[in-house]
PDB file of N, CA and C in Angstrom:
ATOM      1  N   MET A   1     128.930 236.371  33.208  1.00  0.00           N
ATOM      2  CA  MET A   1     129.805 237.364  33.749  1.00  0.00           C
ATOM      3  C   MET A   1     131.205 236.790  33.992  1.00  0.00           C
ATOM      4  N   VAL A   2     131.267 235.569  34.474  1.00  0.00           N
ATOM      5  CA  VAL A   2     132.564 234.946  34.732  1.00  0.00           C
ATOM      6  C   VAL A   2     133.331 234.745  33.428  1.00  0.00           C
ATOM      7  N   ALA A   3     132.640 234.287  32.390  1.00  0.00           N
ATOM      8  CA  ALA A   3     133.297 234.061  31.103  1.00  0.00           C
ATOM      9  C   ALA A   3     133.834 235.368  30.527  1.00  0.00           C
ATOM     10  N   ALA A   4     133.070 236.427  30.664  1.00  0.00           N
ATOM     11  CA  ALA A   4     133.523 237.723  30.159  1.00  0.00           C
ATOM     12  C   ALA A   4     134.749 238.204  30.931  1.00  0.00           C
ATOM     13  N   SER A   5     134.749 238.006  32.232  1.00  0.00           N
ATOM     14  CA  SER A   5     135.905 238.410  33.048  1.00  0.00           C
ATOM     15  C   SER A   5     137.145 237.622  32.668  1.00  0.00           C
ATOM     16  N   LEU A   6     136.996 236.314  32.483  1.00  0.00           N
ATOM     17  CA  LEU A   6     138.130 235.478  32.086  1.00  0.00           C
ATOM     18  C   LEU A   6     138.646 235.868  30.709  1.00  0.00           C
ATOM     19  N   GLY A   7     137.750 236.151  29.803  1.00  0.00           N
ATOM     20  CA  GLY A   7     138.159 236.579  28.468  1.00  0.00           C
ATOM     21  C   GLY A   7     138.916 237.897  28.499  1.00  0.00           C
ATOM     22  N   LEU A   8     138.463 238.819  29.330  1.00  0.00           N
ATOM     23  CA  LEU A   8     139.134 240.105  29.457  1.00  0.00           C
ATOM     24  C   LEU A   8     140.522 239.935  30.066  1.00  0.00           C
ATOM     25  N   MET A   9     140.632 239.097  31.102  1.00  0.00           N
ATOM     26  CA  MET A   9     141.935 238.842  31.711  1.00  0.00           C
ATOM     27  C   MET A   9     142.882 238.175  30.722  1.00  0.00           C
ATOM     28  N   ALA A  10     142.392 237.247  29.921  1.00  0.00           N
ATOM     29  CA  ALA A  10     143.235 236.584  28.924  1.00  0.00           C
ATOM     30  C   ALA A  10     143.715 237.582  27.868  1.00  0.00           C
ATOM     31  N   ALA A  11     142.840 238.473  27.439  1.00  0.00           N
ATOM     32  CA  ALA A  11     143.223 239.472  26.437  1.00  0.00           C
ATOM     33  C   ALA A  11     144.288 240.425  26.976  1.00  0.00           C
ATOM     34  N   VAL A  12     144.122 240.868  28.201  1.00  0.00           N
ATOM     35  CA  VAL A  12     145.102 241.772  28.800  1.00  0.00           C
ATOM     36  C   VAL A  12     146.433 241.053  28.998  1.00  0.00           C
ATOM     37  N   THR A  13     146.384 239.786  29.437  1.00  0.00           N
ATOM     38  CA  THR A  13     147.614 239.009  29.605  1.00  0.00           C
ATOM     39  C   THR A  13     148.345 238.880  28.278  1.00  0.00           C
ATOM     40  N   TRP A  14     147.625 238.605  27.226  1.00  0.00           N
ATOM     41  CA  TRP A  14     148.239 238.470  25.897  1.00  0.00           C
ATOM     42  C   TRP A  14     148.899 239.783  25.470  1.00  0.00           C
ATOM     43  N   GLN A  15     148.218 240.906  25.673  1.00  0.00           N
ATOM     44  CA  GLN A  15     148.780 242.202  25.286  1.00  0.00           C
ATOM     45  C   GLN A  15     150.026 242.540  26.105  1.00  0.00           C
ATOM     46  N   LEU A  16     149.991 242.282  27.408  1.00  0.00           N
ATOM     47  CA  LEU A  16     151.160 242.552  28.243  1.00  0.00           C
ATOM     48  C   LEU A  16     152.334 241.658  27.858  1.00  0.00           C
ATOM     49  N   THR A  17     152.054 240.401  27.534  1.00  0.00           N
ATOM     50  CA  THR A  17     153.115 239.482  27.114  1.00  0.00           C
ATOM     51  C   THR A  17     153.766 239.956  25.824  1.00  0.00           C
ATOM     52  N   ARG A  18     152.970 240.354  24.869  1.00  0.00           N
ATOM     53  CA  ARG A  18     153.518 240.838  23.598  1.00  0.00           C
ATOM     54  C   ARG A  18     154.355 242.096  23.791  1.00  0.00           C
ATOM     55  N   ALA A  19     153.975 242.932  24.748  1.00  0.00           N
ATOM     56  CA  ALA A  19     154.724 244.164  24.992  1.00  0.00           C
ATOM     57  C   ALA A  19     156.006 243.910  25.787  1.00  0.00           C
ATOM     58  N   ALA A  20     156.000 242.900  26.649  1.00  0.00           N
ATOM     59  CA  ALA A  20     157.135 242.680  27.543  1.00  0.00           C
ATOM     60  C   ALA A  20     158.172 241.724  26.984  1.00  0.00           C
ATOM     61  N   VAL A  21     157.742 240.717  26.240  1.00  0.00           N
ATOM     62  CA  VAL A  21     158.662 239.693  25.738  1.00  0.00           C
ATOM     63  C   VAL A  21     159.061 240.098  24.323  1.00  0.00           C
ATOM     64  N   VAL A  22     160.212 240.789  24.224  1.00  0.00           N
ATOM     65  CA  VAL A  22     160.583 241.391  22.948  1.00  0.00           C
ATOM     66  C   VAL A  22     161.886 240.863  22.351  1.00  0.00           C
ATOM     67  N   ASP A  23     162.684 240.127  23.156  1.00  0.00           N
ATOM     68  CA  ASP A  23     163.944 239.604  22.629  1.00  0.00           C
ATOM     69  C   ASP A  23     164.245 238.268  23.294  1.00  0.00           C
ATOM     70  N   LEU A  24     165.336 237.655  22.891  1.00  0.00           N
ATOM     71  CA  LEU A  24     165.665 236.317  23.372  1.00  0.00           C
ATOM     72  C   LEU A  24     165.853 236.239  24.893  1.00  0.00           C
ATOM     73  N   PRO A  25     166.548 237.182  25.530  1.00  0.00           N
ATOM     74  CA  PRO A  25     166.682 237.082  26.991  1.00  0.00           C
ATOM     75  C   PRO A  25     165.334 237.108  27.719  1.00  0.00           C
ATOM     76  N   THR A  26     164.422 237.958  27.274  1.00  0.00           N
ATOM     77  CA  THR A  26     163.122 237.998  27.944  1.00  0.00           C
ATOM     78  C   THR A  26     162.306 236.742  27.663  1.00  0.00           C
ATOM     79  N   VAL A  27     162.470 236.164  26.480  1.00  0.00           N
ATOM     80  CA  VAL A  27     161.804 234.891  26.181  1.00  0.00           C
ATOM     81  C   VAL A  27     162.332 233.804  27.116  1.00  0.00           C
ATOM     82  N   LEU A  28     163.635 233.765  27.319  1.00  0.00           N
ATOM     83  CA  LEU A  28     164.225 232.766  28.207  1.00  0.00           C
ATOM     84  C   LEU A  28     163.782 232.958  29.655  1.00  0.00           C
ATOM     85  N   ILE A  29     163.734 234.195  30.107  1.00  0.00           N
ATOM     86  CA  ILE A  29     163.284 234.472  31.471  1.00  0.00           C
ATOM     87  C   ILE A  29     161.818 234.060  31.638  1.00  0.00           C
ATOM     88  N   ALA A  30     160.979 234.404  30.674  1.00  0.00           N
ATOM     89  CA  ALA A  30     159.562 234.062  30.765  1.00  0.00           C
ATOM     90  C   ALA A  30     159.349 232.546  30.714  1.00  0.00           C
ATOM     91  N   ALA A  31     160.078 231.860  29.844  1.00  0.00           N
ATOM     92  CA  ALA A  31     159.935 230.408  29.740  1.00  0.00           C
ATOM     93  C   ALA A  31     160.413 229.720  31.020  1.00  0.00           C
ATOM     94  N   THR A  32     161.513 230.203  31.570  1.00  0.00           N
ATOM     95  CA  THR A  32     162.024 229.628  32.816  1.00  0.00           C
ATOM     96  C   THR A  32     161.043 229.872  33.960  1.00  0.00           C
ATOM     97  N   ALA A  33     160.504 231.068  34.035  1.00  0.00           N
ATOM     98  CA  ALA A  33     159.532 231.380  35.089  1.00  0.00           C
ATOM     99  C   ALA A  33     158.286 230.508  34.952  1.00  0.00           C
ATOM    100  N   ALA A  34     157.815 230.295  33.714  1.00  0.00           N
ATOM    101  CA  ALA A  34     156.644 229.451  33.512  1.00  0.00           C
ATOM    102  C   ALA A  34     156.931 228.007  33.907  1.00  0.00           C
ATOM    103  N   LEU A  35     158.113 227.521  33.559  1.00  0.00           N
ATOM    104  CA  LEU A  35     158.492 226.156  33.914  1.00  0.00           C
ATOM    105  C   LEU A  35     158.561 225.980  35.428  1.00  0.00           C
ATOM    106  N   VAL A  36     159.206 226.917  36.106  1.00  0.00           N
ATOM    107  CA  VAL A  36     159.305 226.852  37.566  1.00  0.00           C
ATOM    108  C   VAL A  36     157.911 226.963  38.191  1.00  0.00           C
ATOM    109  N   LEU A  37     157.077 227.831  37.648  1.00  0.00           N
ATOM    110  CA  LEU A  37     155.733 228.018  38.184  1.00  0.00           C
ATOM    111  C   LEU A  37     154.911 226.740  38.100  1.00  0.00           C
ATOM    112  N   PHE A  38     154.954 226.059  36.971  1.00  0.00           N
ATOM    113  CA  PHE A  38     154.124 224.875  36.805  1.00  0.00           C
ATOM    114  C   PHE A  38     154.692 223.647  37.502  1.00  0.00           C
ATOM    115  N   ARG A  39     156.001 223.602  37.702  1.00  0.00           N
ATOM    116  CA  ARG A  39     156.602 222.426  38.355  1.00  0.00           C
ATOM    117  C   ARG A  39     156.681 222.554  39.864  1.00  0.00           C
ATOM    118  N   ARG A  40     157.041 223.726  40.358  1.00  0.00           N
ATOM    119  CA  ARG A  40     157.306 223.894  41.791  1.00  0.00           C
ATOM    120  C   ARG A  40     156.212 224.658  42.538  1.00  0.00           C
ATOM    121  N   ARG A  41     155.465 225.490  41.834  1.00  0.00           N
ATOM    122  CA  ARG A  41     154.436 226.343  42.428  1.00  0.00           C
ATOM    123  C   ARG A  41     154.969 227.211  43.580  1.00  0.00           C
ATOM    124  N   PRO A  42     156.006 228.016  43.310  1.00  0.00           N
ATOM    125  CA  PRO A  42     156.561 228.863  44.373  1.00  0.00           C
ATOM    126  C   PRO A  42     155.665 230.083  44.621  1.00  0.00           C
ATOM    127  N   ASN A  43     155.965 230.786  45.664  1.00  0.00           N
ATOM    128  CA  ASN A  43     155.318 232.055  45.923  1.00  0.00           C
ATOM    129  C   ASN A  43     155.690 233.000  44.778  1.00  0.00           C
ATOM    130  N   SER A  44     154.747 233.797  44.319  1.00  0.00           N
ATOM    131  CA  SER A  44     155.005 234.674  43.171  1.00  0.00           C
ATOM    132  C   SER A  44     156.101 235.705  43.460  1.00  0.00           C
ATOM    133  N   THR A  45     156.321 236.013  44.721  1.00  0.00           N
ATOM    134  CA  THR A  45     157.401 236.937  45.073  1.00  0.00           C
ATOM    135  C   THR A  45     158.746 236.409  44.602  1.00  0.00           C
ATOM    136  N   TRP A  46     158.976 235.109  44.759  1.00  0.00           N
ATOM    137  CA  TRP A  46     160.248 234.509  44.329  1.00  0.00           C
ATOM    138  C   TRP A  46     160.390 234.559  42.813  1.00  0.00           C
ATOM    139  N   LEU A  47     159.293 234.383  42.083  1.00  0.00           N
ATOM    140  CA  LEU A  47     159.356 234.494  40.623  1.00  0.00           C
ATOM    141  C   LEU A  47     159.719 235.923  40.203  1.00  0.00           C
ATOM    142  N   ILE A  48     159.127 236.890  40.859  1.00  0.00           N
ATOM    143  CA  ILE A  48     159.415 238.293  40.534  1.00  0.00           C
ATOM    144  C   ILE A  48     160.871 238.625  40.841  1.00  0.00           C
ATOM    145  N   LEU A  49     161.337 238.207  42.023  1.00  0.00           N
ATOM    146  CA  LEU A  49     162.731 238.475  42.388  1.00  0.00           C
ATOM    147  C   LEU A  49     163.706 237.739  41.470  1.00  0.00           C
ATOM    148  N   GLY A  50     163.392 236.493  41.118  1.00  0.00           N
ATOM    149  CA  GLY A  50     164.248 235.740  40.203  1.00  0.00           C
ATOM    150  C   GLY A  50     164.292 236.360  38.820  1.00  0.00           C
ATOM    151  N   GLY A  51     163.147 236.796  38.323  1.00  0.00           N
ATOM    152  CA  GLY A  51     163.114 237.456  37.020  1.00  0.00           C
ATOM    153  C   GLY A  51     163.863 238.777  37.018  1.00  0.00           C
ATOM    154  N   ALA A  52     163.734 239.513  38.114  1.00  0.00           N
ATOM    155  CA  ALA A  52     164.464 240.786  38.228  1.00  0.00           C
ATOM    156  C   ALA A  52     165.965 240.539  38.269  1.00  0.00           C
ATOM    157  N   ALA A  53     166.380 239.539  39.030  1.00  0.00           N
ATOM    158  CA  ALA A  53     167.815 239.227  39.118  1.00  0.00           C
ATOM    159  C   ALA A  53     168.344 238.759  37.764  1.00  0.00           C
ATOM    160  N   ALA A  54     167.593 237.892  37.081  1.00  0.00           N
ATOM    161  CA  ALA A  54     168.028 237.408  35.769  1.00  0.00           C
ATOM    162  C   ALA A  54     168.118 238.551  34.769  1.00  0.00           C
ATOM    163  N   GLY A  55     167.133 239.439  34.781  1.00  0.00           N
ATOM    164  CA  GLY A  55     167.162 240.594  33.883  1.00  0.00           C
ATOM    165  C   GLY A  55     168.329 241.514  34.167  1.00  0.00           C
ATOM    166  N   TRP A  56     168.621 241.708  35.450  1.00  0.00           N
ATOM    167  CA  TRP A  56     169.743 242.550  35.836  1.00  0.00           C
ATOM    168  C   TRP A  56     171.066 241.941  35.381  1.00  0.00           C
ATOM    169  N   LEU A  57     171.199 240.628  35.549  1.00  0.00           N
ATOM    170  CA  LEU A  57     172.435 239.945  35.131  1.00  0.00           C
ATOM    171  C   LEU A  57     172.592 239.926  33.604  1.00  0.00           C
ATOM    172  N   LEU A  58     171.506 239.760  32.884  1.00  0.00           N
ATOM    173  CA  LEU A  58     171.572 239.684  31.422  1.00  0.00           C
ATOM    174  C   LEU A  58     171.651 241.066  30.769  1.00  0.00           C
ATOM    175  N   GLN A  59     171.374 242.098  31.508  1.00  0.00           N
ATOM    176  CA  GLN A  59     171.363 243.458  30.954  1.00  0.00           C
ATOM    177  C   GLN A  59     172.763 243.897  30.520  1.00  0.00           C
ATOM    178  N   GLY A  60     173.752 243.553  31.306  1.00  0.00           N
ATOM    179  CA  GLY A  60     175.113 244.019  31.050  1.00  0.00           C
ATOM    180  C   GLY A  60     175.675 243.479  29.801  1.00  0.00           C
TER     181      GLY A  60
END
């Protein structure tokens, strides 16, 4: 049961990533967030706020 749950979560994560990461700015935001996540282990709220701010700044 655990293996099936992990497989399902991995599949959904892959589908969401393919749908969300569509151009260079989003690739950079995702890569930066992953780097910060693995090096610093911040609260996920800060990652969400940082990604939102970066997206807002890069949108213009």
